[in-house]
Amino acid sequence: MWRKEDPKSQGITEPVMPPSAAPSSTPSSAPVAAVGSPLPLSPRAAACISQGIRIKGEVIGKEDLFVDGTVEGKLELGSASCTIGPNGKVKADISAREVIVRGHVDGKIDGTERVQLWNTGRVAGEVRTERLAIEDGAILRGKVEAGKPRNLSQESAAATAVAKSEKSKSGADATSRAAVI
C-alpha cells in the first residue's frame, strides 16, 4: 500500500501559518485583522482624535471623525460625520454632513443634513442645519438656523407678490406704509 511521504523526513521545512492568517477558500473584500486584534477593521472606521491629543489648526478630510481630545481651529469634513465625544473640547468651526455633540463646542457648526446634541453636549455659537435634535439636558447658546434653506429668488418673489397685493388693496405703496408705521 502506498503512503504519502512525510516532508519532514526529507529535510524540507514547511512554513507554519497561524489559523487567522490561513488563506480561505472564498475571497473576501473585507480587510484582514491584525494578529491578536479581537475585531476586524471596517473600511469606514472613523478616524479618532483621542483624549490625550491636542490639535491647533485645520483638519480637512472626507472620512468620519471622532474627537475626544482638544481641537482649536477648523474642522472641514465635507460629506462625512463628525462626533465630538464626551471628553471632547472643540474651539473651532465645524463643517460636516452630520455633527453629533456629546462634549463641548465653541464655534460655528454647519451640519448639512443633521446636528444632534446629546444630554452631555454644550454648544456656544451658531448652528446651521437641515435637522436639529436636542436631548433634554443639552445646552445651546447662540444662533440657530434649522430647516431646509430657502432659495433667495423664491423669497424675493414672495415679498414682491405680498407688496403688490397690499398696494392694490390700499392704493398706497406697502414699503412707504411700513416706513410710516
Protein backbone atom coordinates (compact mmCIF):
# COMPACT_ATOMS: atom_id res chain seq x y z
CA MET A 1 0.00 0.00 0.00
CA TRP A 2 1.24 3.49 -0.89
CA ARG A 3 1.70 6.18 1.79
CA LYS A 4 2.40 9.86 1.32
CA GLU A 5 5.90 10.63 2.48
CA ASP A 6 6.32 12.95 5.41
CA PRO A 7 8.07 16.15 4.14
CA LYS A 8 9.91 16.48 7.48
CA SER A 9 11.66 13.19 6.92
CA GLN A 10 13.25 14.57 3.74
CA GLY A 11 14.59 17.69 5.49
CA ILE A 12 12.10 20.09 3.87
CA THR A 13 10.56 22.58 6.26
CA GLU A 14 7.13 23.96 5.61
CA PRO A 15 6.18 27.42 6.92
CA VAL A 16 3.60 27.32 9.68
CA MET A 17 0.82 29.92 9.44
CA PRO A 18 -1.41 30.91 12.34
CA PRO A 19 -5.05 29.89 11.84
CA SER A 20 -6.21 33.51 11.50
CA ALA A 21 -3.77 34.13 8.63
CA ALA A 22 -4.50 30.91 6.72
CA PRO A 23 -5.89 31.53 3.25
CA SER A 24 -9.60 30.94 2.95
CA SER A 25 -11.30 29.17 0.10
CA THR A 26 -13.68 32.09 -0.50
CA PRO A 27 -12.36 35.53 -1.47
CA SER A 28 -13.19 38.31 0.96
CA SER A 29 -13.31 42.04 0.29
CA ALA A 30 -13.04 42.91 4.00
CA PRO A 31 -9.56 43.73 5.28
CA VAL A 32 -7.81 41.08 7.34
CA ALA A 33 -7.48 41.94 11.01
CA ALA A 34 -4.04 42.12 12.56
CA VAL A 35 -2.93 39.09 14.54
CA GLY A 36 -4.18 39.48 18.09
CA SER A 37 -6.87 42.01 17.11
CA PRO A 38 -10.25 40.93 18.50
CA LEU A 39 -12.36 42.73 15.87
CA PRO A 40 -11.95 43.11 12.11
CA LEU A 41 -11.32 46.63 10.86
CA SER A 42 -14.07 48.34 8.94
CA PRO A 43 -13.21 50.20 5.73
CA ARG A 44 -15.46 53.05 7.03
CA ALA A 45 -13.97 53.16 10.54
CA ALA A 46 -13.88 56.69 11.91
CA ALA A 47 -10.60 58.46 12.42
CA CYS A 48 -10.06 59.29 16.08
CA ILE A 49 -8.53 62.19 17.98
CA SER A 50 -8.30 60.60 21.40
CA GLN A 51 -8.47 62.17 24.84
CA GLY A 52 -4.75 62.92 25.21
CA ILE A 53 -4.37 64.59 21.78
CA ARG A 54 -4.46 68.38 21.24
CA ILE A 55 -4.58 69.85 17.73
CA LYS A 56 -4.28 73.51 16.69
CA GLY A 57 -5.04 74.30 13.06
CA GLU A 58 -7.19 72.93 10.26
CA VAL A 59 -8.42 69.36 9.99
CA ILE A 60 -9.69 68.65 6.48
CA GLY A 61 -10.90 65.27 5.29
CA LYS A 62 -13.58 63.11 3.73
CA GLU A 63 -13.77 60.38 6.40
CA ASP A 64 -15.82 60.22 9.59
CA LEU A 65 -14.06 61.74 12.59
CA PHE A 66 -14.43 61.10 16.33
CA VAL A 67 -12.96 63.84 18.54
CA ASP A 68 -12.46 63.06 22.22
CA GLY A 69 -9.45 65.37 22.63
CA THR A 70 -8.92 69.09 22.14
CA VAL A 71 -9.13 70.84 18.76
CA GLU A 72 -8.68 74.56 18.07
CA GLY A 73 -9.10 75.95 14.57
CA LYS A 74 -11.27 74.47 11.85
CA LEU A 75 -12.83 71.07 11.06
CA GLU A 76 -13.95 70.56 7.44
CA LEU A 77 -15.24 67.06 6.73
CA GLY A 78 -17.46 67.61 3.69
CA SER A 79 -19.91 64.72 3.37
CA ALA A 80 -18.63 62.83 6.42
CA SER A 81 -19.79 62.68 10.03
CA CYS A 82 -18.11 64.45 12.95
CA THR A 83 -18.72 63.24 16.50
CA ILE A 84 -17.48 65.23 19.48
CA GLY A 85 -17.06 62.71 22.29
CA PRO A 86 -17.93 63.32 25.95
CA ASN A 87 -14.34 64.40 26.72
CA GLY A 88 -14.01 66.46 23.52
CA LYS A 89 -13.34 70.19 23.73
CA VAL A 90 -13.56 71.95 20.37
CA LYS A 91 -12.96 75.66 19.78
CA ALA A 92 -13.44 75.56 16.04
CA ASP A 93 -15.84 75.98 13.16
CA ILE A 94 -17.20 72.56 12.17
CA SER A 95 -18.49 71.76 8.71
CA ALA A 96 -19.75 68.22 8.03
CA ARG A 97 -22.75 66.29 6.76
CA GLU A 98 -23.68 65.22 10.28
CA VAL A 99 -22.41 66.64 13.59
CA ILE A 100 -23.03 64.84 16.90
CA VAL A 101 -22.07 66.75 20.04
CA ARG A 102 -21.54 64.89 23.33
CA GLY A 103 -18.80 67.24 24.63
CA HIS A 104 -18.10 70.98 24.39
CA VAL A 105 -18.10 73.04 21.19
CA ASP A 106 -17.34 76.76 20.97
CA GLY A 107 -17.79 77.93 17.38
CA LYS A 108 -19.95 77.68 14.31
CA ILE A 109 -21.48 74.30 13.42
CA ASP A 110 -22.64 73.72 9.86
CA GLY A 111 -24.26 70.28 9.57
CA THR A 112 -25.66 70.00 6.06
CA GLU A 113 -28.05 67.15 6.98
CA ARG A 114 -28.23 66.92 10.77
CA VAL A 115 -26.91 68.23 14.08
CA GLN A 116 -27.57 66.25 17.25
CA LEU A 117 -26.86 67.48 20.79
CA TRP A 118 -26.75 64.74 23.43
CA ASN A 119 -27.64 65.45 27.05
CA THR A 120 -23.94 65.95 27.88
CA GLY A 121 -23.41 68.30 24.91
CA ARG A 122 -22.69 72.01 25.28
CA VAL A 123 -22.58 74.40 22.31
CA ALA A 124 -21.79 78.12 22.30
CA GLY A 125 -22.05 79.63 18.83
CA GLU A 126 -24.03 79.37 15.62
CA VAL A 127 -25.75 76.19 14.46
CA ARG A 128 -26.96 75.83 10.87
CA THR A 129 -28.55 72.59 9.71
CA GLU A 130 -31.49 70.98 7.96
CA ARG A 131 -32.49 68.88 11.01
CA LEU A 132 -31.71 69.60 14.66
CA ALA A 133 -32.15 67.21 17.61
CA ILE A 134 -31.53 68.38 21.18
CA GLU A 135 -31.79 65.97 24.10
CA ASP A 136 -33.06 67.07 27.49
CA GLY A 137 -30.10 68.43 29.46
CA ALA A 138 -28.07 69.69 26.49
CA ILE A 139 -27.03 73.34 26.49
CA LEU A 140 -27.18 75.53 23.37
CA ARG A 141 -26.28 79.22 23.48
CA GLY A 142 -26.25 81.12 20.22
CA LYS A 143 -27.98 81.48 16.89
CA VAL A 144 -29.84 78.59 15.28
CA GLU A 145 -30.95 78.20 11.66
CA ALA A 146 -32.77 74.91 11.16
CA GLY A 147 -34.80 73.63 8.23
CA LYS A 148 -34.33 73.43 4.51
CA PRO A 149 -32.62 76.53 3.13
CA ARG A 150 -34.97 78.61 1.03
CA ASN A 151 -33.91 79.90 -2.34
CA LEU A 152 -33.32 83.68 -2.29
CA SER A 153 -35.14 84.16 -5.59
CA GLN A 154 -38.24 82.48 -4.10
CA GLU A 155 -38.08 84.77 -1.04
CA SER A 156 -37.76 87.94 -3.11
CA ALA A 157 -40.58 86.82 -5.43
CA ALA A 158 -42.83 86.13 -2.43
CA ALA A 159 -42.02 89.52 -0.89
CA THR A 160 -42.75 91.27 -4.20
CA ALA A 161 -46.09 89.46 -4.54
CA VAL A 162 -47.10 90.46 -0.99
CA ALA A 163 -46.12 94.10 -1.61
CA LYS A 164 -48.12 94.20 -4.87
CA SER A 165 -51.21 92.70 -3.23
CA GLU A 166 -51.06 95.20 -0.36
CA LYS A 167 -50.56 98.09 -2.83
CA SER A 168 -53.59 97.07 -4.86
CA LYS A 169 -55.76 96.75 -1.72
CA SER A 170 -54.90 100.09 -0.12
CA GLY A 171 -53.75 102.10 -3.12
CA ALA A 172 -50.53 103.05 -1.27
CA ASP A 173 -47.08 101.59 -1.60
CA ALA A 174 -46.51 98.87 1.03
CA THR A 175 -42.91 99.93 1.61
CA SER A 176 -43.84 103.55 2.28
CA ARG A 177 -46.61 102.47 4.63
CA ALA A 178 -44.16 100.30 6.55
CA ALA A 179 -41.82 103.29 6.86
CA VAL A 180 -44.60 105.45 8.34
CA ILE A 181 -45.54 102.93 10.99
